[in-house]
N, C-alpha and C. Protein backbone atom coordinates (compact mmCIF):
# COMPACT_ATOMS: atom_id res chain seq x y z
N MET A 1 -15.22 -23.07 -38.72
CA MET A 1 -14.33 -23.63 -37.73
C MET A 1 -13.46 -22.52 -37.15
N VAL A 2 -13.31 -22.52 -35.86
CA VAL A 2 -12.50 -21.52 -35.17
C VAL A 2 -11.06 -22.03 -35.10
N SER A 3 -10.13 -21.18 -35.47
CA SER A 3 -8.73 -21.59 -35.39
C SER A 3 -8.26 -21.52 -33.94
N ALA A 4 -7.52 -22.51 -33.54
CA ALA A 4 -7.01 -22.57 -32.18
C ALA A 4 -5.76 -21.71 -32.06
N SER A 5 -5.64 -21.05 -30.95
CA SER A 5 -4.43 -20.27 -30.70
C SER A 5 -3.97 -20.57 -29.29
N ILE A 6 -2.70 -20.50 -29.10
CA ILE A 6 -2.10 -20.75 -27.80
C ILE A 6 -1.50 -19.45 -27.30
N ALA A 7 -1.89 -19.06 -26.11
CA ALA A 7 -1.31 -17.87 -25.50
C ALA A 7 0.02 -18.25 -24.87
N THR A 8 1.01 -17.41 -25.06
CA THR A 8 2.33 -17.67 -24.50
C THR A 8 2.73 -16.51 -23.60
N GLY A 9 3.44 -16.85 -22.55
CA GLY A 9 3.85 -15.83 -21.61
C GLY A 9 5.23 -16.11 -21.06
N LEU A 10 5.67 -15.24 -20.19
CA LEU A 10 6.99 -15.32 -19.60
C LEU A 10 6.87 -15.13 -18.10
N GLU A 11 7.48 -16.03 -17.34
CA GLU A 11 7.50 -15.89 -15.89
C GLU A 11 8.73 -15.08 -15.50
N LEU A 12 8.51 -14.02 -14.74
CA LEU A 12 9.60 -13.15 -14.33
C LEU A 12 10.11 -13.54 -12.95
N ALA A 13 11.39 -13.35 -12.75
CA ALA A 13 11.96 -13.54 -11.42
C ALA A 13 11.64 -12.29 -10.60
N ALA A 14 11.09 -12.47 -9.43
CA ALA A 14 10.74 -11.32 -8.59
C ALA A 14 11.93 -10.91 -7.73
N MET A 15 13.11 -10.98 -8.30
CA MET A 15 14.34 -10.66 -7.57
C MET A 15 14.97 -9.38 -8.12
N PRO A 16 15.79 -8.73 -7.29
CA PRO A 16 16.52 -7.56 -7.78
C PRO A 16 17.51 -7.97 -8.87
N PRO A 17 17.90 -7.10 -9.72
CA PRO A 17 17.53 -5.69 -9.85
C PRO A 17 16.22 -5.53 -10.61
N PRO A 18 15.44 -4.50 -10.30
CA PRO A 18 14.17 -4.32 -11.00
C PRO A 18 14.35 -4.03 -12.49
N GLY A 19 15.48 -3.43 -12.86
CA GLY A 19 15.72 -3.14 -14.27
C GLY A 19 15.79 -4.40 -15.13
N LEU A 20 16.23 -5.51 -14.55
CA LEU A 20 16.25 -6.77 -15.29
C LEU A 20 14.84 -7.21 -15.63
N ASN A 21 13.92 -7.06 -14.69
CA ASN A 21 12.53 -7.42 -14.97
C ASN A 21 11.92 -6.52 -16.03
N ARG A 22 12.27 -5.24 -15.99
CA ARG A 22 11.77 -4.33 -17.03
C ARG A 22 12.33 -4.71 -18.39
N ALA A 23 13.60 -5.09 -18.44
CA ALA A 23 14.19 -5.54 -19.71
C ALA A 23 13.51 -6.80 -20.22
N LEU A 24 13.13 -7.69 -19.32
CA LEU A 24 12.43 -8.91 -19.73
C LEU A 24 11.03 -8.59 -20.25
N VAL A 25 10.40 -7.55 -19.72
CA VAL A 25 9.10 -7.13 -20.25
C VAL A 25 9.27 -6.60 -21.68
N TYR A 26 10.30 -5.82 -21.92
CA TYR A 26 10.57 -5.35 -23.28
C TYR A 26 10.87 -6.52 -24.22
N PHE A 27 11.61 -7.49 -23.72
CA PHE A 27 11.89 -8.70 -24.51
C PHE A 27 10.58 -9.42 -24.86
N ALA A 28 9.68 -9.54 -23.89
CA ALA A 28 8.40 -10.21 -24.13
C ALA A 28 7.58 -9.45 -25.16
N ARG A 29 7.64 -8.12 -25.11
CA ARG A 29 6.92 -7.33 -26.12
C ARG A 29 7.51 -7.52 -27.51
N LEU A 30 8.85 -7.49 -27.59
CA LEU A 30 9.50 -7.68 -28.90
C LEU A 30 9.26 -9.08 -29.45
N SER A 31 9.14 -10.04 -28.56
CA SER A 31 8.89 -11.43 -28.98
C SER A 31 7.41 -11.69 -29.25
N GLN A 32 6.59 -10.69 -29.08
CA GLN A 32 5.14 -10.76 -29.29
C GLN A 32 4.48 -11.82 -28.42
N LEU A 33 4.93 -11.91 -27.17
CA LEU A 33 4.28 -12.80 -26.21
C LEU A 33 2.98 -12.16 -25.74
N ASP A 34 2.15 -12.93 -25.08
CA ASP A 34 0.85 -12.44 -24.65
C ASP A 34 0.83 -11.90 -23.22
N SER A 35 1.73 -12.41 -22.36
CA SER A 35 1.64 -12.04 -20.96
C SER A 35 2.99 -12.19 -20.26
N VAL A 36 3.09 -11.56 -19.10
CA VAL A 36 4.20 -11.78 -18.18
C VAL A 36 3.59 -12.02 -16.80
N TRP A 37 4.24 -12.89 -16.05
CA TRP A 37 3.73 -13.32 -14.75
C TRP A 37 4.81 -13.19 -13.70
N VAL A 38 4.39 -12.89 -12.48
CA VAL A 38 5.28 -12.81 -11.33
C VAL A 38 4.73 -13.76 -10.27
N LEU A 39 5.61 -14.42 -9.55
CA LEU A 39 5.18 -15.30 -8.46
C LEU A 39 5.23 -14.56 -7.13
N ASP A 40 4.34 -14.93 -6.23
CA ASP A 40 4.27 -14.32 -4.91
C ASP A 40 4.84 -15.32 -3.90
N HIS A 41 6.08 -15.12 -3.53
CA HIS A 41 6.71 -15.97 -2.53
C HIS A 41 7.41 -15.08 -1.51
N PHE A 42 7.45 -15.53 -0.27
CA PHE A 42 8.13 -14.75 0.76
C PHE A 42 9.56 -15.21 0.96
N GLN A 43 9.95 -16.31 0.34
CA GLN A 43 11.34 -16.73 0.37
C GLN A 43 11.65 -17.50 -0.90
N GLY A 44 12.93 -17.53 -1.26
CA GLY A 44 13.36 -18.22 -2.45
C GLY A 44 13.38 -19.73 -2.26
N LEU A 45 13.68 -20.44 -3.32
CA LEU A 45 13.67 -21.89 -3.30
C LEU A 45 14.96 -22.49 -2.75
N ILE A 46 16.03 -21.73 -2.73
CA ILE A 46 17.33 -22.25 -2.32
C ILE A 46 17.55 -21.96 -0.84
N PRO A 47 17.84 -22.99 -0.02
CA PRO A 47 18.07 -22.75 1.41
C PRO A 47 19.31 -21.87 1.64
N SER A 48 19.23 -21.01 2.63
CA SER A 48 20.34 -20.11 2.93
C SER A 48 21.60 -20.87 3.31
N ALA A 49 21.45 -22.04 3.92
CA ALA A 49 22.62 -22.81 4.38
C ALA A 49 23.54 -23.22 3.24
N ILE A 50 23.01 -23.42 2.05
CA ILE A 50 23.87 -23.84 0.93
C ILE A 50 24.07 -22.72 -0.09
N TRP A 51 23.51 -21.54 0.16
CA TRP A 51 23.58 -20.44 -0.81
C TRP A 51 25.02 -20.06 -1.15
N ASP A 52 25.85 -19.82 -0.15
CA ASP A 52 27.22 -19.39 -0.40
C ASP A 52 28.09 -20.51 -0.96
N GLN A 53 27.81 -21.75 -0.58
CA GLN A 53 28.67 -22.87 -0.97
C GLN A 53 28.37 -23.38 -2.38
N GLU A 54 27.10 -23.69 -2.63
CA GLU A 54 26.74 -24.35 -3.88
C GLU A 54 26.35 -23.38 -5.00
N PHE A 55 25.95 -22.18 -4.63
CA PHE A 55 25.47 -21.22 -5.63
C PHE A 55 26.32 -19.96 -5.59
N SER A 56 27.61 -20.11 -5.67
CA SER A 56 28.51 -18.96 -5.57
C SER A 56 28.27 -17.95 -6.68
N TRP A 57 27.81 -18.39 -7.85
CA TRP A 57 27.51 -17.46 -8.94
C TRP A 57 26.35 -16.54 -8.57
N GLY A 58 25.38 -17.05 -7.82
CA GLY A 58 24.27 -16.21 -7.39
C GLY A 58 24.60 -15.41 -6.15
N ALA A 59 25.44 -15.98 -5.30
CA ALA A 59 25.80 -15.30 -4.06
C ALA A 59 26.64 -14.06 -4.32
N THR A 60 27.31 -13.99 -5.46
CA THR A 60 28.09 -12.80 -5.77
C THR A 60 27.17 -11.63 -6.16
N GLN A 61 25.96 -11.94 -6.64
CA GLN A 61 25.03 -10.88 -7.05
C GLN A 61 24.04 -10.52 -5.94
N HIS A 62 23.68 -11.48 -5.10
CA HIS A 62 22.69 -11.27 -4.05
C HIS A 62 23.24 -11.83 -2.75
N GLU A 63 23.03 -11.09 -1.66
CA GLU A 63 23.49 -11.56 -0.36
C GLU A 63 22.68 -12.75 0.13
N SER A 64 21.43 -12.81 -0.25
CA SER A 64 20.53 -13.86 0.23
C SER A 64 19.68 -14.37 -0.92
N PRO A 65 19.33 -15.66 -0.90
CA PRO A 65 18.41 -16.16 -1.94
C PRO A 65 16.97 -15.71 -1.69
N HIS A 66 16.74 -15.00 -0.60
CA HIS A 66 15.39 -14.61 -0.23
C HIS A 66 15.12 -13.12 -0.46
N GLU A 67 15.92 -12.47 -1.29
CA GLU A 67 15.66 -11.08 -1.67
C GLU A 67 14.62 -11.09 -2.78
N LEU A 68 13.37 -10.89 -2.41
CA LEU A 68 12.28 -10.95 -3.37
C LEU A 68 11.41 -9.71 -3.24
N PHE A 69 10.90 -9.25 -4.37
CA PHE A 69 9.98 -8.12 -4.38
C PHE A 69 8.57 -8.58 -4.04
N ASP A 70 7.77 -7.68 -3.47
CA ASP A 70 6.35 -7.93 -3.33
C ASP A 70 5.75 -7.90 -4.73
N TYR A 71 4.93 -8.89 -5.06
CA TYR A 71 4.45 -9.00 -6.43
C TYR A 71 3.59 -7.81 -6.85
N GLN A 72 2.81 -7.24 -5.93
CA GLN A 72 1.94 -6.12 -6.30
C GLN A 72 2.76 -4.88 -6.64
N VAL A 73 3.78 -4.63 -5.88
CA VAL A 73 4.64 -3.47 -6.15
C VAL A 73 5.40 -3.68 -7.45
N LEU A 74 5.90 -4.89 -7.68
CA LEU A 74 6.64 -5.16 -8.91
C LEU A 74 5.73 -5.05 -10.13
N LEU A 75 4.52 -5.57 -10.05
CA LEU A 75 3.60 -5.44 -11.19
C LEU A 75 3.23 -3.99 -11.46
N GLY A 76 3.09 -3.20 -10.40
CA GLY A 76 2.84 -1.77 -10.59
C GLY A 76 4.01 -1.08 -11.28
N TYR A 77 5.21 -1.47 -10.92
CA TYR A 77 6.42 -0.92 -11.54
C TYR A 77 6.50 -1.31 -13.02
N LEU A 78 6.10 -2.53 -13.33
CA LEU A 78 6.21 -3.02 -14.71
C LEU A 78 5.04 -2.63 -15.59
N ALA A 79 3.94 -2.19 -15.00
CA ALA A 79 2.73 -1.90 -15.77
C ALA A 79 2.94 -0.84 -16.84
N LYS A 80 3.74 0.18 -16.54
CA LYS A 80 3.93 1.24 -17.53
C LYS A 80 4.76 0.78 -18.73
N SER A 81 5.50 -0.32 -18.57
CA SER A 81 6.31 -0.85 -19.68
C SER A 81 5.61 -1.97 -20.44
N ALA A 82 4.48 -2.44 -19.92
CA ALA A 82 3.86 -3.64 -20.46
C ALA A 82 3.18 -3.46 -21.81
N GLY A 83 2.70 -2.27 -22.11
CA GLY A 83 2.01 -2.08 -23.38
C GLY A 83 0.78 -2.98 -23.45
N ARG A 84 0.68 -3.78 -24.51
CA ARG A 84 -0.47 -4.66 -24.70
C ARG A 84 -0.37 -5.97 -23.93
N LEU A 85 0.77 -6.23 -23.29
CA LEU A 85 0.95 -7.46 -22.53
C LEU A 85 -0.01 -7.51 -21.34
N ARG A 86 -0.54 -8.69 -21.09
CA ARG A 86 -1.28 -8.89 -19.86
C ARG A 86 -0.27 -9.21 -18.77
N ILE A 87 -0.46 -8.63 -17.60
CA ILE A 87 0.44 -8.91 -16.49
C ILE A 87 -0.39 -9.52 -15.37
N GLY A 88 0.24 -10.38 -14.60
CA GLY A 88 -0.50 -11.01 -13.52
C GLY A 88 0.41 -11.75 -12.57
N VAL A 89 -0.23 -12.30 -11.55
CA VAL A 89 0.48 -13.09 -10.56
C VAL A 89 0.15 -14.56 -10.84
N GLY A 90 1.19 -15.38 -10.91
CA GLY A 90 1.00 -16.80 -11.21
C GLY A 90 0.58 -17.60 -10.00
N VAL A 91 1.14 -17.30 -8.87
CA VAL A 91 0.84 -18.00 -7.62
C VAL A 91 0.82 -16.96 -6.52
N THR A 92 -0.18 -17.02 -5.66
CA THR A 92 -0.20 -16.14 -4.51
C THR A 92 -0.56 -16.95 -3.28
N GLU A 93 -0.16 -16.48 -2.13
CA GLU A 93 -0.40 -17.18 -0.88
C GLU A 93 -1.43 -16.39 -0.08
N PRO A 94 -2.69 -16.83 -0.07
CA PRO A 94 -3.74 -16.04 0.58
C PRO A 94 -3.64 -15.99 2.10
N ILE A 95 -2.80 -16.81 2.69
CA ILE A 95 -2.65 -16.80 4.14
C ILE A 95 -1.95 -15.52 4.60
N ARG A 96 -1.02 -15.00 3.80
CA ARG A 96 -0.23 -13.84 4.21
C ARG A 96 -0.86 -12.51 3.82
N SER A 97 -1.83 -12.51 2.93
CA SER A 97 -2.39 -11.25 2.44
C SER A 97 -3.88 -11.17 2.74
N HIS A 98 -4.33 -9.95 3.03
CA HIS A 98 -5.75 -9.72 3.26
C HIS A 98 -6.50 -9.92 1.93
N PRO A 99 -7.70 -10.48 1.98
CA PRO A 99 -8.46 -10.72 0.74
C PRO A 99 -8.67 -9.47 -0.11
N VAL A 100 -8.81 -8.32 0.52
CA VAL A 100 -8.99 -7.08 -0.23
C VAL A 100 -7.75 -6.76 -1.05
N LEU A 101 -6.56 -7.01 -0.50
CA LEU A 101 -5.34 -6.77 -1.26
C LEU A 101 -5.20 -7.72 -2.43
N ILE A 102 -5.61 -8.95 -2.25
CA ILE A 102 -5.53 -9.92 -3.34
C ILE A 102 -6.52 -9.58 -4.44
N ALA A 103 -7.72 -9.15 -4.05
CA ALA A 103 -8.74 -8.81 -5.04
C ALA A 103 -8.29 -7.63 -5.87
């Protein structure tokens, strides 16, 4: 009988500062997780109209809720810190990217 195992991973925020994402990769390694994932979005989930009013804690750190890194560049930046972790993109939007870039 084969023992079942569950792979566990961590979804990273593709937002500045990049050092926070690198620290989360180190945390994932120390926690013996299997993977880290980044999402590919061109804007954040929070509308700009309510960013300053309802999310003042976030507005003090970021001018806009739409400050996001390109997932390919961020994964390249994190690859040297990943060690044995698998890294990948959780969601990508093929309409905005050429198929060769996605491949």
